[in-house]
C-alpha atoms as a PDB file:
ATOM      1  CA  MET A   1      -6.967   4.709   1.808  1.00  0.00           C
ATOM      2  CA  ASN A   2     -10.625   4.483   2.716  1.00  0.00           C
ATOM      3  CA  VAL A   3      -9.890   5.591   6.284  1.00  0.00           C
ATOM      4  CA  LEU A   4      -7.914   8.584   4.999  1.00  0.00           C
ATOM      5  CA  LYS A   5     -10.796   9.554   2.740  1.00  0.00           C
ATOM      6  CA  LYS A   6     -13.288   9.167   5.603  1.00  0.00           C
ATOM      7  CA  HIS A   7     -11.228  11.689   7.549  1.00  0.00           C
ATOM      8  CA  GLY A   8     -11.315  14.208   4.714  1.00  0.00           C
ATOM      9  CA  ALA A   9      -8.183  13.396   2.714  1.00  0.00           C
ATOM     10  CA  ASN A  10      -8.312  14.464  -0.916  1.00  0.00           C
ATOM     11  CA  LYS A  11      -7.496  11.399  -3.033  1.00  0.00           C
ATOM     12  CA  ASN A  12      -5.627  13.560  -5.551  1.00  0.00           C
ATOM     13  CA  LYS A  13      -3.298  14.903  -2.858  1.00  0.00           C
ATOM     14  CA  ILE A  14      -2.320  11.580  -1.255  1.00  0.00           C
ATOM     15  CA  GLU A  15       1.388  10.894  -1.699  1.00  0.00           C
ATOM     16  CA  VAL A  16       2.863   7.476  -1.022  1.00  0.00           C
ATOM     17  CA  CYS A  17       6.521   6.637  -0.486  1.00  0.00           C
ATOM     18  CA  LEU A  18       7.607   3.011  -0.716  1.00  0.00           C
ATOM     19  CA  THR A  19      10.664   1.483   0.922  1.00  0.00           C
ATOM     20  CA  GLY A  20      11.728  -2.052   1.663  1.00  0.00           C
ATOM     21  CA  GLY A  21      11.423  -5.377  -0.058  1.00  0.00           C
ATOM     22  CA  ALA A  22      15.112  -6.176   0.259  1.00  0.00           C
ATOM     23  CA  ASN A  23      16.405  -9.724   0.419  1.00  0.00           C
ATOM     24  CA  VAL A  24      18.570  -8.944   3.461  1.00  0.00           C
ATOM     25  CA  LEU A  25      19.226 -12.624   4.198  1.00  0.00           C
ATOM     26  CA  GLN A  26      20.441 -13.022   0.593  1.00  0.00           C
ATOM     27  CA  ARG A  27      18.594 -16.285   0.043  1.00  0.00           C
ATOM     28  CA  LYS A  28      18.890 -17.382  -3.585  1.00  0.00           C
ATOM     29  CA  ASP A  29      15.263 -18.458  -4.061  1.00  0.00           C
ATOM     30  CA  ASP A  30      13.684 -15.771  -1.875  1.00  0.00           C
ATOM     31  CA  SER A  31      11.150 -13.781  -3.877  1.00  0.00           C
ATOM     32  CA  ILE A  32       9.056 -12.563  -0.931  1.00  0.00           C
ATOM     33  CA  GLY A  33      10.377  -8.993  -1.115  1.00  0.00           C
ATOM     34  CA  GLN A  34       9.815  -8.707  -4.859  1.00  0.00           C
ATOM     35  CA  ASN A  35       6.370 -10.281  -4.534  1.00  0.00           C
ATOM     36  CA  ASN A  36       5.457  -7.734  -1.846  1.00  0.00           C
ATOM     37  CA  ILE A  37       6.729  -4.862  -3.999  1.00  0.00           C
ATOM     38  CA  SER A  38       4.706  -6.038  -6.999  1.00  0.00           C
ATOM     39  CA  SER A  39       1.585  -6.516  -4.894  1.00  0.00           C
ATOM     40  CA  VAL A  40       1.725  -3.065  -3.298  1.00  0.00           C
ATOM     41  CA  GLU A  41       2.487  -1.339  -6.602  1.00  0.00           C
ATOM     42  CA  GLU A  42      -0.459  -3.106  -8.231  1.00  0.00           C
ATOM     43  CA  ILE A  43      -2.831  -2.078  -5.428  1.00  0.00           C
ATOM     44  CA  LEU A  44      -1.691   1.545  -5.647  1.00  0.00           C
ATOM     45  CA  ARG A  45      -2.004   1.516  -9.440  1.00  0.00           C
ATOM     46  CA  ASP A  46      -5.544   0.102  -9.156  1.00  0.00           C
ATOM     47  CA  LYS A  47      -6.424   2.831  -6.657  1.00  0.00           C
ATOM     48  CA  GLN A  48      -4.780   5.430  -8.925  1.00  0.00           C
ATOM     49  CA  THR A  49      -2.541   6.548  -6.084  1.00  0.00           C
ATOM     50  CA  ARG A  50       0.665   8.389  -6.914  1.00  0.00           C
ATOM     51  CA  ILE A  51       3.956   6.941  -5.713  1.00  0.00           C
ATOM     52  CA  ALA A  52       6.031   9.999  -4.878  1.00  0.00           C
ATOM     53  CA  ALA A  53       9.282   8.183  -4.094  1.00  0.00           C
ATOM     54  CA  ARG A  54      10.560   4.646  -3.913  1.00  0.00           C
ATOM     55  CA  SER A  55      13.598   2.814  -2.604  1.00  0.00           C
ATOM     56  CA  LEU A  56      12.935  -0.869  -3.137  1.00  0.00           C
ATOM     57  CA  GLY A  57      14.619  -4.239  -3.435  1.00  0.00           C
ATOM     58  CA  GLY A  58      18.291  -5.025  -3.282  1.00  0.00           C
ATOM     59  CA  ILE A  59      19.934  -6.700  -0.307  1.00  0.00           C
ATOM     60  CA  GLU A  60      20.418  -3.885   2.214  1.00  0.00           C
ATOM     61  CA  ARG A  61      18.103  -3.026   5.105  1.00  0.00           C
ATOM     62  CA  ARG A  62      16.396   0.339   5.231  1.00  0.00           C
ATOM     63  CA  CYS A  63      15.411   2.607   8.080  1.00  0.00           C
ATOM     64  CA  VAL A  64      12.806   5.344   7.587  1.00  0.00           C
ATOM     65  CA  THR A  65      11.873   8.174   9.941  1.00  0.00           C
ATOM     66  CA  LEU A  66       9.171  10.789   9.523  1.00  0.00           C
ATOM     67  CA  ASP A  67       9.456  14.196  11.172  1.00  0.00           C
ATOM     68  CA  VAL A  68       5.783  15.028  11.629  1.00  0.00           C
ATOM     69  CA  GLU A  69       6.536  18.706  12.283  1.00  0.00           C
ATOM     70  CA  THR A  70       8.410  19.293   9.027  1.00  0.00           C
ATOM     71  CA  GLY A  71       6.954  16.562   6.821  1.00  0.00           C
ATOM     72  CA  CYS A  72      10.455  15.292   6.045  1.00  0.00           C
ATOM     73  CA  LEU A  73      10.834  11.583   5.425  1.00  0.00           C
ATOM     74  CA  ASN A  74      14.408  10.448   5.986  1.00  0.00           C
ATOM     75  CA  LEU A  75      15.965   7.202   4.805  1.00  0.00           C
ATOM     76  CA  SER A  76      19.141   5.279   5.488  1.00  0.00           C
ATOM     77  CA  ILE A  77      20.181   2.213   3.530  1.00  0.00           C
ATOM     78  CA  GLY A  78      22.479  -0.310   5.167  1.00  0.00           C
ATOM     79  CA  ASP A  79      24.997   1.521   7.333  1.00  0.00           C
ATOM     80  CA  SER A  80      24.766   4.790   5.384  1.00  0.00           C
ATOM     81  CA  LEU A  81      23.870   8.087   6.986  1.00  0.00           C
ATOM     82  CA  GLU A  82      20.253   9.158   6.998  1.00  0.00           C
ATOM     83  CA  LYS A  83      19.323  11.413   4.056  1.00  0.00           C
ATOM     84  CA  LEU A  84      16.216  13.303   3.039  1.00  0.00           C
ATOM     85  CA  PHE A  85      14.072  10.906   1.020  1.00  0.00           C
ATOM     86  CA  TRP A  86      10.915  12.976   0.502  1.00  0.00           C
ATOM     87  CA  GLU A  87       9.340  16.143   1.832  1.00  0.00           C
ATOM     88  CA  PHE A  88       5.566  16.191   2.179  1.00  0.00           C
ATOM     89  CA  ASN A  89       3.957  19.593   1.675  1.00  0.00           C
END
């Protein structure tokens, strides 16, 4: 965040999208993903940064692509087709 601000980003216009944290190996006592989710959400809350979209947890892998020309963030979960997840303006 500090690097973004150093390069002129307006804190009030920063949008964050969160994906991941799945227990893809389906281990019964695996809380790493949930711990990571909680940690990141807490940091963003402390920095008063808006979470624009989230796809978190569960057991399926995620794949995210960003089209830098259009600002479209696309997401697929498991073997599903890629869908528009968020559009940055």
